[in-house]
N, C-alpha and C. Protein backbone atom coordinates (compact mmCIF):
# COMPACT_ATOMS: atom_id res chain seq x y z
N MET A 1 -22.27 -14.40 -7.96
CA MET A 1 -22.11 -14.23 -7.09
C MET A 1 -21.89 -15.07 -5.70
N LYS A 2 -22.86 -16.11 -5.60
CA LYS A 2 -22.73 -17.06 -4.23
C LYS A 2 -22.08 -18.37 -4.91
N THR A 3 -21.96 -18.20 -6.10
CA THR A 3 -21.04 -19.24 -6.83
C THR A 3 -19.10 -19.15 -6.36
N LEU A 4 -19.02 -17.25 -6.53
CA LEU A 4 -17.32 -17.31 -6.35
C LEU A 4 -17.47 -17.15 -4.77
N PHE A 5 -18.24 -17.06 -3.95
CA PHE A 5 -18.20 -17.46 -2.40
C PHE A 5 -17.67 -18.49 -2.07
N ILE A 6 -18.71 -19.53 -2.92
CA ILE A 6 -18.39 -21.13 -2.69
C ILE A 6 -16.84 -21.23 -3.26
N PHE A 7 -16.60 -21.02 -4.78
CA PHE A 7 -15.42 -21.18 -5.18
C PHE A 7 -14.28 -20.66 -4.26
N ILE A 8 -14.32 -19.39 -3.65
CA ILE A 8 -13.16 -19.37 -2.55
C ILE A 8 -12.75 -19.59 -1.79
N PHE A 9 -13.98 -20.36 -0.82
CA PHE A 9 -14.03 -20.80 0.33
C PHE A 9 -13.19 -22.31 -0.28
N SER A 10 -14.04 -23.16 -1.22
CA SER A 10 -13.36 -24.33 -1.57
C SER A 10 -11.78 -24.11 -1.88
N LEU A 11 -11.44 -23.43 -2.23
CA LEU A 11 -10.13 -22.58 -2.34
C LEU A 11 -9.25 -22.54 -1.23
N ALA A 12 -9.85 -22.02 -0.26
CA ALA A 12 -9.33 -21.69 1.21
C ALA A 12 -8.98 -23.63 1.88
N ALA A 13 -10.23 -24.27 1.69
CA ALA A 13 -10.19 -24.92 2.41
C ALA A 13 -8.92 -26.57 1.59
N LEU A 14 -8.51 -26.46 0.70
CA LEU A 14 -7.71 -27.71 -0.31
C LEU A 14 -6.31 -26.48 0.28
N THR A 15 -5.99 -25.30 0.16
CA THR A 15 -5.06 -25.04 0.64
C THR A 15 -4.45 -24.28 2.17
N ALA A 16 -5.17 -25.70 3.00
CA ALA A 16 -5.51 -24.50 4.02
C ALA A 16 -3.99 -25.35 5.17
N MET A 17 -2.74 -25.52 4.42
CA MET A 17 -1.34 -25.24 4.94
C MET A 17 -0.91 -23.89 4.86
N ALA A 18 -0.94 -23.33 3.69
CA ALA A 18 -0.69 -21.57 3.62
C ALA A 18 -1.30 -20.84 3.81
N GLN A 19 -0.63 -19.80 4.44
CA GLN A 19 -1.34 -18.28 5.01
C GLN A 19 -1.93 -17.74 3.96
N GLN A 20 -3.54 -17.55 4.38
CA GLN A 20 -4.58 -17.17 3.56
C GLN A 20 -5.03 -15.37 4.14
N GLN A 21 -5.46 -14.43 3.23
CA GLN A 21 -6.17 -13.62 3.57
C GLN A 21 -7.44 -13.06 2.39
N PHE A 22 -8.38 -12.57 3.27
CA PHE A 22 -9.34 -12.19 2.78
C PHE A 22 -9.63 -11.51 3.26
N GLY A 23 -10.83 -10.44 2.38
CA GLY A 23 -11.08 -9.10 2.77
C GLY A 23 -11.55 -8.16 1.75
N ILE A 24 -11.47 -6.96 2.09
CA ILE A 24 -12.73 -5.69 1.19
C ILE A 24 -11.66 -4.73 0.98
N ARG A 25 -11.74 -3.90 -0.41
CA ARG A 25 -10.80 -2.96 -0.68
C ARG A 25 -12.25 -1.81 -1.55
N GLY A 26 -11.60 -0.81 -1.18
CA GLY A 26 -12.28 0.57 -1.57
C GLY A 26 -11.48 1.38 -2.13
N GLY A 27 -12.11 1.72 -2.92
CA GLY A 27 -11.59 2.91 -3.94
C GLY A 27 -12.66 3.39 -5.26
N GLU A 28 -11.92 3.24 -6.36
CA GLU A 28 -11.96 3.62 -7.72
C GLU A 28 -12.46 1.52 -8.30
N LEU A 29 -11.71 0.91 -7.77
CA LEU A 29 -11.90 -0.50 -8.03
C LEU A 29 -12.53 -1.10 -6.26
N SER A 30 -13.34 -0.92 -6.37
CA SER A 30 -14.16 -1.83 -4.95
C SER A 30 -14.32 -3.56 -4.91
N GLY A 31 -14.02 -3.82 -3.99
CA GLY A 31 -14.94 -4.96 -4.43
C GLY A 31 -13.69 -6.07 -3.40
N LEU A 32 -14.07 -7.56 -3.49
CA LEU A 32 -13.54 -8.53 -2.30
C LEU A 32 -12.08 -9.01 -2.68
N SER A 33 -11.20 -9.53 -1.86
CA SER A 33 -9.98 -9.82 -2.05
C SER A 33 -9.70 -11.27 -1.47
N TYR A 34 -8.93 -11.92 -2.26
CA TYR A 34 -8.44 -12.90 -1.29
C TYR A 34 -6.83 -13.03 -1.93
N ARG A 35 -6.22 -13.27 -0.81
CA ARG A 35 -4.87 -13.39 -1.21
C ARG A 35 -4.00 -15.22 -0.73
N GLN A 36 -3.42 -15.52 -1.81
CA GLN A 36 -2.99 -17.20 -1.19
C GLN A 36 -1.41 -16.70 -1.23
N PHE A 37 -1.03 -16.89 -0.06
CA PHE A 37 0.78 -16.70 0.11
C PHE A 37 1.50 -17.98 -0.06
N ASP A 38 2.88 -18.21 -1.08
CA ASP A 38 3.22 -19.88 -0.95
C ASP A 38 4.40 -19.37 -0.10
N ASP A 39 5.00 -17.98 0.14
CA ASP A 39 6.09 -17.70 1.44
C ASP A 39 5.50 -16.31 1.70
N PRO A 40 6.58 -15.69 3.26
CA PRO A 40 5.78 -15.03 3.79
C PRO A 40 5.99 -13.90 2.78
N ASP A 41 7.41 -13.85 1.73
CA ASP A 41 7.37 -12.45 1.12
C ASP A 41 6.74 -12.61 -0.37
N HIS A 42 5.70 -13.46 -0.81
CA HIS A 42 5.69 -13.68 -2.33
C HIS A 42 4.03 -14.01 -2.12
N CYS A 43 2.40 -13.69 -2.82
CA CYS A 43 1.25 -14.26 -2.96
C CYS A 43 0.73 -13.51 -4.15
N ILE A 44 -0.18 -14.48 -4.37
CA ILE A 44 -0.96 -14.45 -5.63
C ILE A 44 -2.33 -13.57 -4.67
N GLU A 45 -3.08 -12.92 -5.10
CA GLU A 45 -4.17 -11.84 -4.61
C GLU A 45 -5.42 -12.08 -6.26
N VAL A 46 -6.45 -12.44 -5.64
CA VAL A 46 -7.64 -12.67 -7.20
C VAL A 46 -7.98 -11.27 -6.20
N LEU A 47 -8.53 -10.73 -7.01
CA LEU A 47 -10.17 -9.35 -6.98
C LEU A 47 -10.99 -9.87 -7.41
N LEU A 48 -12.28 -9.65 -7.51
CA LEU A 48 -12.89 -9.41 -7.67
C LEU A 48 -13.99 -7.93 -7.34
N ALA A 49 -13.90 -7.32 -8.48
CA ALA A 49 -14.56 -5.69 -7.89
C ALA A 49 -15.74 -5.48 -9.07
N ASP A 50 -16.66 -4.14 -8.94
CA ASP A 50 -17.89 -3.42 -9.12
C ASP A 50 -16.85 -1.95 -9.40
N ARG A 51 -17.15 -1.97 -11.32
CA ARG A 51 -16.36 -0.49 -11.94
C ARG A 51 -16.81 -0.15 -13.13
N TYR A 52 -17.69 0.85 -12.66
CA TYR A 52 -18.21 1.31 -14.31
C TYR A 52 -19.38 0.98 -15.03
N ASN A 53 -20.51 0.23 -13.56
CA ASN A 53 -21.20 -0.72 -13.84
C ASN A 53 -21.05 -1.85 -14.63
N GLY A 54 -20.03 -2.39 -13.89
CA GLY A 54 -19.49 -3.52 -14.24
C GLY A 54 -19.25 -4.38 -13.79
N LEU A 55 -18.54 -5.82 -13.38
CA LEU A 55 -17.80 -6.45 -13.04
C LEU A 55 -16.23 -6.72 -13.27
N GLN A 56 -15.13 -6.91 -12.87
CA GLN A 56 -14.07 -7.44 -13.05
C GLN A 56 -13.43 -8.33 -12.37
N VAL A 57 -12.73 -9.38 -12.35
CA VAL A 57 -11.76 -10.09 -12.00
C VAL A 57 -10.34 -9.84 -12.21
N SER A 58 -9.78 -9.84 -11.21
CA SER A 58 -8.22 -9.12 -11.49
C SER A 58 -7.17 -10.14 -10.76
N LEU A 59 -5.94 -10.79 -11.05
CA LEU A 59 -5.24 -11.79 -10.25
C LEU A 59 -3.57 -10.64 -10.67
N PHE A 60 -3.39 -11.05 -9.45
CA PHE A 60 -2.06 -9.97 -9.36
C PHE A 60 -1.32 -11.29 -8.71
N THR A 61 0.22 -10.71 -8.82
CA THR A 61 1.44 -11.74 -8.36
C THR A 61 1.98 -10.31 -7.69
N GLU A 62 2.15 -10.66 -5.95
CA GLU A 62 3.08 -9.75 -5.12
C GLU A 62 3.94 -9.81 -4.42
N ASN A 63 4.93 -8.77 -4.31
CA ASN A 63 6.29 -9.52 -3.67
C ASN A 63 5.99 -8.47 -2.22
N PHE A 64 6.36 -8.80 -1.36
CA PHE A 64 6.60 -7.87 0.41
C PHE A 64 8.42 -7.81 0.82
N ARG A 65 8.51 -6.50 1.59
CA ARG A 65 9.41 -6.60 1.80
C ARG A 65 8.88 -5.46 3.40
N PRO A 66 9.45 -5.53 4.87
CA PRO A 66 9.41 -4.86 5.40
C PRO A 66 9.89 -3.56 5.23
N VAL A 67 9.18 -2.33 5.76
CA VAL A 67 9.51 -0.85 5.43
C VAL A 67 9.23 -0.14 6.68
N LEU A 68 10.51 0.79 7.05
CA LEU A 68 10.05 2.07 8.42
C LEU A 68 9.77 1.30 9.33
N THR A 69 10.65 0.09 9.72
CA THR A 69 11.31 -1.08 10.81
C THR A 69 11.71 -0.11 12.08
N GLU A 70 12.07 1.12 11.96
CA GLU A 70 12.47 1.81 12.98
C GLU A 70 11.47 2.00 13.57
N TYR A 71 10.52 2.74 13.24
CA TYR A 71 8.51 2.54 13.90
C TYR A 71 7.62 1.15 14.20
N SER A 72 7.70 0.45 13.47
CA SER A 72 7.04 -1.22 13.26
C SER A 72 7.66 -2.03 12.77
N GLU A 73 7.83 -3.03 12.97
CA GLU A 73 8.08 -4.74 12.52
C GLU A 73 6.86 -4.84 11.89
N ASN A 74 5.81 -4.39 11.38
CA ASN A 74 4.54 -4.70 10.89
C ASN A 74 4.41 -3.81 10.07
N ILE A 75 5.42 -2.99 9.18
CA ILE A 75 4.73 -2.34 8.08
C ILE A 75 5.15 -3.01 7.15
N SER A 76 4.74 -3.29 5.88
CA SER A 76 5.15 -3.86 4.65
C SER A 76 4.91 -3.04 3.15
N LEU A 77 5.51 -3.01 2.83
CA LEU A 77 5.61 -2.44 1.14
C LEU A 77 5.73 -3.85 0.42
N TYR A 78 4.15 -3.37 -0.45
CA TYR A 78 4.82 -4.83 -1.44
C TYR A 78 4.05 -4.04 -3.16
N THR A 79 4.63 -4.97 -3.63
CA THR A 79 4.64 -4.40 -5.49
C THR A 79 4.31 -5.88 -6.21
N GLY A 80 3.63 -5.34 -6.83
CA GLY A 80 3.43 -6.28 -8.17
C GLY A 80 2.79 -5.77 -9.24
N PHE A 81 2.47 -7.11 -10.22
CA PHE A 81 1.93 -6.87 -11.39
C PHE A 81 0.87 -7.69 -12.09
N GLY A 82 0.11 -7.19 -12.88
CA GLY A 82 -1.08 -8.55 -13.16
C GLY A 82 -1.54 -8.49 -14.22
N ALA A 83 -3.08 -8.94 -14.63
CA ALA A 83 -4.32 -8.47 -15.73
C ALA A 83 -5.28 -9.00 -14.79
N HIS A 84 -6.12 -7.87 -15.90
CA HIS A 84 -7.92 -7.96 -15.35
C HIS A 84 -8.64 -8.14 -16.68
N ALA A 85 -10.02 -9.07 -16.54
CA ALA A 85 -10.74 -9.38 -17.33
C ALA A 85 -12.34 -8.72 -16.70
N GLY A 86 -13.14 -8.32 -17.17
CA GLY A 86 -14.57 -8.95 -17.30
C GLY A 86 -15.12 -7.83 -18.11
N PHE A 87 -16.33 -7.01 -17.92
CA PHE A 87 -17.06 -6.32 -18.66
C PHE A 87 -17.44 -4.94 -18.28
N SER A 88 -16.93 -3.80 -18.57
CA SER A 88 -17.97 -2.64 -18.00
C SER A 88 -19.24 -1.73 -19.19
N SER A 89 -19.82 -1.00 -18.39
CA SER A 89 -20.74 -0.01 -19.59
C SER A 89 -20.17 1.46 -19.22
N SER A 90 -20.36 2.38 -20.04
CA SER A 90 -20.33 3.51 -20.44
C SER A 90 -21.74 4.38 -21.14
N LYS A 91 -21.60 5.60 -20.22
CA LYS A 91 -22.53 6.45 -21.13
C LYS A 91 -21.70 7.28 -22.25
N HIS A 92 -22.17 7.19 -23.57
CA HIS A 92 -22.10 7.92 -24.71
C HIS A 92 -22.82 8.78 -25.10
N TYR A 93 -22.46 10.10 -25.19
CA TYR A 93 -23.33 11.42 -25.02
C TYR A 93 -23.84 11.86 -27.05
N LEU A 94 -24.61 11.81 -27.28
CA LEU A 94 -25.72 11.94 -28.57
C LEU A 94 -25.53 13.41 -28.28
N TYR A 95 -26.10 14.04 -29.13
CA TYR A 95 -26.47 15.42 -29.33
C TYR A 95 -27.53 16.01 -31.02
N ASN A 96 -29.09 16.30 -30.60
CA ASN A 96 -29.17 17.21 -31.57
C ASN A 96 -28.37 17.83 -32.07
N GLU A 97 -28.99 17.87 -33.26
CA GLU A 97 -28.06 19.44 -34.58
C GLU A 97 -28.22 20.80 -33.96
N ASP A 98 -28.86 21.28 -33.11
CA ASP A 98 -29.30 22.49 -32.42
C ASP A 98 -28.81 22.40 -30.75
N LYS A 99 -28.17 21.43 -30.73
CA LYS A 99 -27.08 21.06 -29.57
C LYS A 99 -27.71 21.81 -28.01
N GLU A 100 -28.62 21.38 -27.92
CA GLU A 100 -29.60 21.62 -27.17
C GLU A 100 -30.09 20.85 -26.53
N ASP A 101 -30.53 19.20 -27.30
CA ASP A 101 -30.96 19.00 -26.27
C ASP A 101 -30.53 17.65 -26.60
N SER A 102 -29.96 16.48 -25.60
CA SER A 102 -29.09 15.86 -25.67
C SER A 102 -29.75 14.42 -24.97
N PHE A 103 -29.06 13.42 -25.16
CA PHE A 103 -29.56 11.70 -24.68
C PHE A 103 -28.39 11.00 -24.54
N TYR A 104 -28.21 10.11 -23.79
CA TYR A 104 -26.91 9.09 -24.10
C TYR A 104 -27.45 7.62 -24.21
N ARG A 105 -26.44 6.96 -24.97
CA ARG A 105 -26.63 5.70 -25.09
C ARG A 105 -25.73 4.46 -24.23
N LEU A 106 -26.18 4.01 -23.42
CA LEU A 106 -25.40 2.87 -22.58
C LEU A 106 -24.74 1.58 -23.52
N ARG A 107 -23.14 1.64 -23.13
CA ARG A 107 -22.32 0.64 -23.83
C ARG A 107 -22.04 -0.28 -23.26
N THR A 108 -22.29 -1.08 -23.32
CA THR A 108 -21.88 -3.04 -22.38
C THR A 108 -20.87 -3.29 -23.29
N GLY A 109 -19.56 -3.68 -23.25
CA GLY A 109 -18.86 -4.48 -23.63
C GLY A 109 -17.74 -5.79 -22.47
N PRO A 110 -16.65 -6.29 -22.85
CA PRO A 110 -15.92 -6.87 -22.49
C PRO A 110 -14.22 -6.05 -22.43
N LEU A 111 -13.71 -6.22 -21.46
CA LEU A 111 -12.58 -5.74 -21.21
C LEU A 111 -11.37 -6.20 -20.63
N ALA A 112 -9.90 -6.30 -21.23
CA ALA A 112 -9.08 -6.60 -20.64
C ALA A 112 -7.75 -6.25 -20.47
N GLY A 113 -7.09 -6.12 -19.67
CA GLY A 113 -6.22 -5.08 -19.77
C GLY A 113 -5.30 -5.90 -18.52
N VAL A 114 -4.12 -4.79 -18.27
CA VAL A 114 -2.73 -4.84 -17.15
C VAL A 114 -2.69 -3.99 -16.06
N ASP A 115 -2.21 -4.25 -15.08
CA ASP A 115 -2.04 -3.63 -13.72
C ASP A 115 -0.71 -3.75 -13.63
N PHE A 116 -0.01 -2.75 -12.51
CA PHE A 116 0.43 -2.43 -11.94
C PHE A 116 0.16 -2.15 -10.64
N VAL A 117 0.25 -2.68 -9.06
CA VAL A 117 0.10 -2.54 -8.24
C VAL A 117 1.25 -2.33 -7.01
N CYS A 118 1.33 -1.14 -6.16
CA CYS A 118 2.18 -0.93 -4.74
C CYS A 118 1.37 -0.39 -4.05
N GLY A 119 1.88 -0.77 -2.43
CA GLY A 119 1.06 -0.78 -1.14
C GLY A 119 1.75 -0.94 -0.16
N LEU A 120 1.21 0.16 1.06
CA LEU A 120 1.79 -0.36 2.52
C LEU A 120 0.90 -1.08 3.07
N GLU A 121 1.20 -1.59 3.93
CA GLU A 121 0.08 -2.87 4.76
C GLU A 121 0.81 -2.67 6.16
N TYR A 122 -0.46 -2.75 7.75
CA TYR A 122 0.06 -2.71 8.46
C TYR A 122 -0.08 -4.51 8.85
N ARG A 123 0.37 -5.03 9.09
CA ARG A 123 -0.50 -6.34 10.25
C ARG A 123 -0.83 -5.66 11.93
N PHE A 124 -1.26 -6.16 12.61
CA PHE A 124 -1.78 -5.72 13.93
C PHE A 124 -1.29 -7.43 14.27
N ASN A 125 -0.45 -6.94 15.77
CA ASN A 125 0.17 -7.76 16.67
C ASN A 125 -1.28 -8.95 17.23
N LYS A 126 -1.90 -8.33 17.82
CA LYS A 126 -3.65 -8.91 18.45
C LYS A 126 -4.20 -9.68 17.91
N PHE A 127 -4.53 -9.07 16.59
CA PHE A 127 -5.60 -9.43 15.46
C PHE A 127 -5.19 -10.27 14.50
N PRO A 128 -5.67 -10.95 13.94
CA PRO A 128 -5.66 -11.63 12.66
C PRO A 128 -5.48 -10.67 11.49
N VAL A 129 -5.48 -9.52 11.73
CA VAL A 129 -6.49 -8.36 10.91
C VAL A 129 -4.68 -7.44 9.80
N THR A 130 -5.08 -7.08 8.64
CA THR A 130 -4.01 -5.95 8.12
C THR A 130 -5.07 -4.82 7.48
N VAL A 131 -4.20 -3.84 7.11
CA VAL A 131 -5.12 -2.44 7.06
C VAL A 131 -3.61 -2.12 5.86
N GLY A 132 -4.45 -1.62 4.48
CA GLY A 132 -3.22 -1.31 3.90
C GLY A 132 -3.64 -0.08 3.09
N ILE A 133 -2.88 0.78 2.14
CA ILE A 133 -3.64 1.63 1.17
C ILE A 133 -2.73 1.29 0.08
N ASP A 134 -3.04 1.33 -1.39
CA ASP A 134 -2.68 1.11 -2.58
C ASP A 134 -2.46 1.54 -3.77
N TYR A 135 -2.06 1.86 -4.46
CA TYR A 135 -1.89 2.20 -5.47
C TYR A 135 -1.71 1.15 -7.11
N ASN A 136 -3.09 1.77 -7.38
CA ASN A 136 -3.20 0.43 -8.84
C ASN A 136 -3.22 0.56 -10.27
N PRO A 137 -2.83 1.53 -10.71
CA PRO A 137 -2.67 1.90 -12.03
C PRO A 137 -2.83 1.29 -13.27
N TYR A 138 -3.99 0.92 -14.12
CA TYR A 138 -3.80 -0.09 -14.83
C TYR A 138 -4.20 0.60 -16.64
N ALA A 139 -4.38 -0.06 -17.14
CA ALA A 139 -4.63 0.18 -18.86
C ALA A 139 -4.97 -1.43 -19.47
N GLU A 140 -6.29 -0.79 -19.87
CA GLU A 140 -6.98 -2.00 -21.05
C GLU A 140 -7.52 -1.51 -21.70
N LEU A 141 -7.79 -2.46 -22.58
CA LEU A 141 -9.09 -1.96 -23.73
C LEU A 141 -10.55 -3.03 -23.88
N SER A 142 -11.27 -1.77 -24.08
CA SER A 142 -12.77 -2.09 -24.39
C SER A 142 -13.20 -2.08 -25.79
N PHE A 143 -14.46 -2.81 -24.93
CA PHE A 143 -15.61 -2.78 -27.30
C PHE A 143 -15.66 -1.65 -26.53
N ALA A 144 -16.35 -0.69 -24.76
CA ALA A 144 -17.40 0.17 -24.50
C ALA A 144 -16.81 1.86 -25.25
N ASP A 145 -15.15 1.24 -24.18
CA ASP A 145 -14.44 2.53 -24.46
C ASP A 145 -13.49 2.69 -25.37
N ILE A 146 -12.74 1.61 -26.18
CA ILE A 146 -11.91 1.29 -27.13
C ILE A 146 -10.66 1.29 -26.25
N PHE A 147 -9.81 2.30 -25.89
CA PHE A 147 -8.58 2.27 -24.94
C PHE A 147 -8.59 2.72 -23.22
N ARG A 148 -8.47 2.57 -22.98
CA ARG A 148 -8.46 3.09 -21.13
C ARG A 148 -7.29 3.55 -20.37
N VAL A 149 -6.74 4.16 -19.98
CA VAL A 149 -5.67 4.41 -18.81
C VAL A 149 -6.00 4.96 -17.66
N SER A 150 -6.02 4.63 -15.94
CA SER A 150 -6.14 5.09 -15.43
C SER A 150 -5.12 5.35 -14.38
N ILE A 151 -4.27 6.24 -14.21
CA ILE A 151 -3.27 6.82 -13.23
C ILE A 151 -3.66 7.27 -11.72
N TRP A 152 -4.65 7.02 -11.24
CA TRP A 152 -5.52 8.01 -10.17
C TRP A 152 -6.00 6.66 -9.27
N ASN A 153 -5.81 5.06 -9.62
CA ASN A 153 -6.16 4.18 -8.80
C ASN A 153 -6.15 4.04 -7.17
N PHE A 154 -6.55 4.35 -6.34
CA PHE A 154 -5.66 4.39 -4.93
C PHE A 154 -7.39 3.82 -4.19
N GLY A 155 -6.61 3.23 -3.34
CA GLY A 155 -7.06 2.28 -2.69
C GLY A 155 -6.98 1.67 -1.36
N THR A 156 -8.04 1.52 -0.49
CA THR A 156 -7.58 1.01 1.37
C THR A 156 -8.04 -0.63 1.27
N THR A 157 -7.27 -1.37 2.32
CA THR A 157 -7.91 -2.36 2.15
C THR A 157 -7.59 -2.38 3.75
N VAL A 158 -8.70 -3.94 4.08
CA VAL A 158 -9.03 -4.42 5.35
C VAL A 158 -9.28 -6.00 5.34
N ARG A 159 -8.21 -7.24 5.51
CA ARG A 159 -8.04 -8.45 5.30
C ARG A 159 -7.87 -9.14 7.07
N TYR A 160 -8.68 -10.19 6.86
CA TYR A 160 -8.60 -11.11 7.92
C TYR A 160 -7.34 -12.08 7.62
N THR A 161 -6.75 -12.37 8.42
CA THR A 161 -5.49 -13.62 8.12
C THR A 161 -5.61 -15.18 8.40
N PHE A 162 -6.00 -16.02 7.59
CA PHE A 162 -6.20 -17.29 8.57
C PHE A 162 -4.37 -17.78 8.01
N LYS A 163 -4.48 -18.83 8.72
CA LYS A 163 -3.20 -19.46 9.47
C LYS A 163 -3.58 -20.93 8.89
């Protein structure tokens, strides 16, 4: 974990001219988020997250556009896609013949999948902070569960913006 922080901050130092954001995401997929903008309407996001007793790294490409401009100039809709890889654990319950006693075996294995992301984000004028909500369905292959699809992955984010 310490080397990941060093990597992220080293990447931030190398790309000091572009806008960057660092923050946290809460939801089914909770973790640390880093964004690198190559223009105001497009960014690359890396998400290091904890899910299902495992760890995964997601990489997204996201496009932004202003919405609800009659209420505020600071609200953006973003959409994007990406991929993730990591490992997870899952419990597989086993039953005795009499079906009264049960126990579980923990299976741990690698996983890889594809993601979609769609969200609303609000940028504060007085502070270099954004808050947002997002929807992130995914499909993945794993040794622990073979195939998994999640259509209920919602989250909230808070990010600090570096200029």
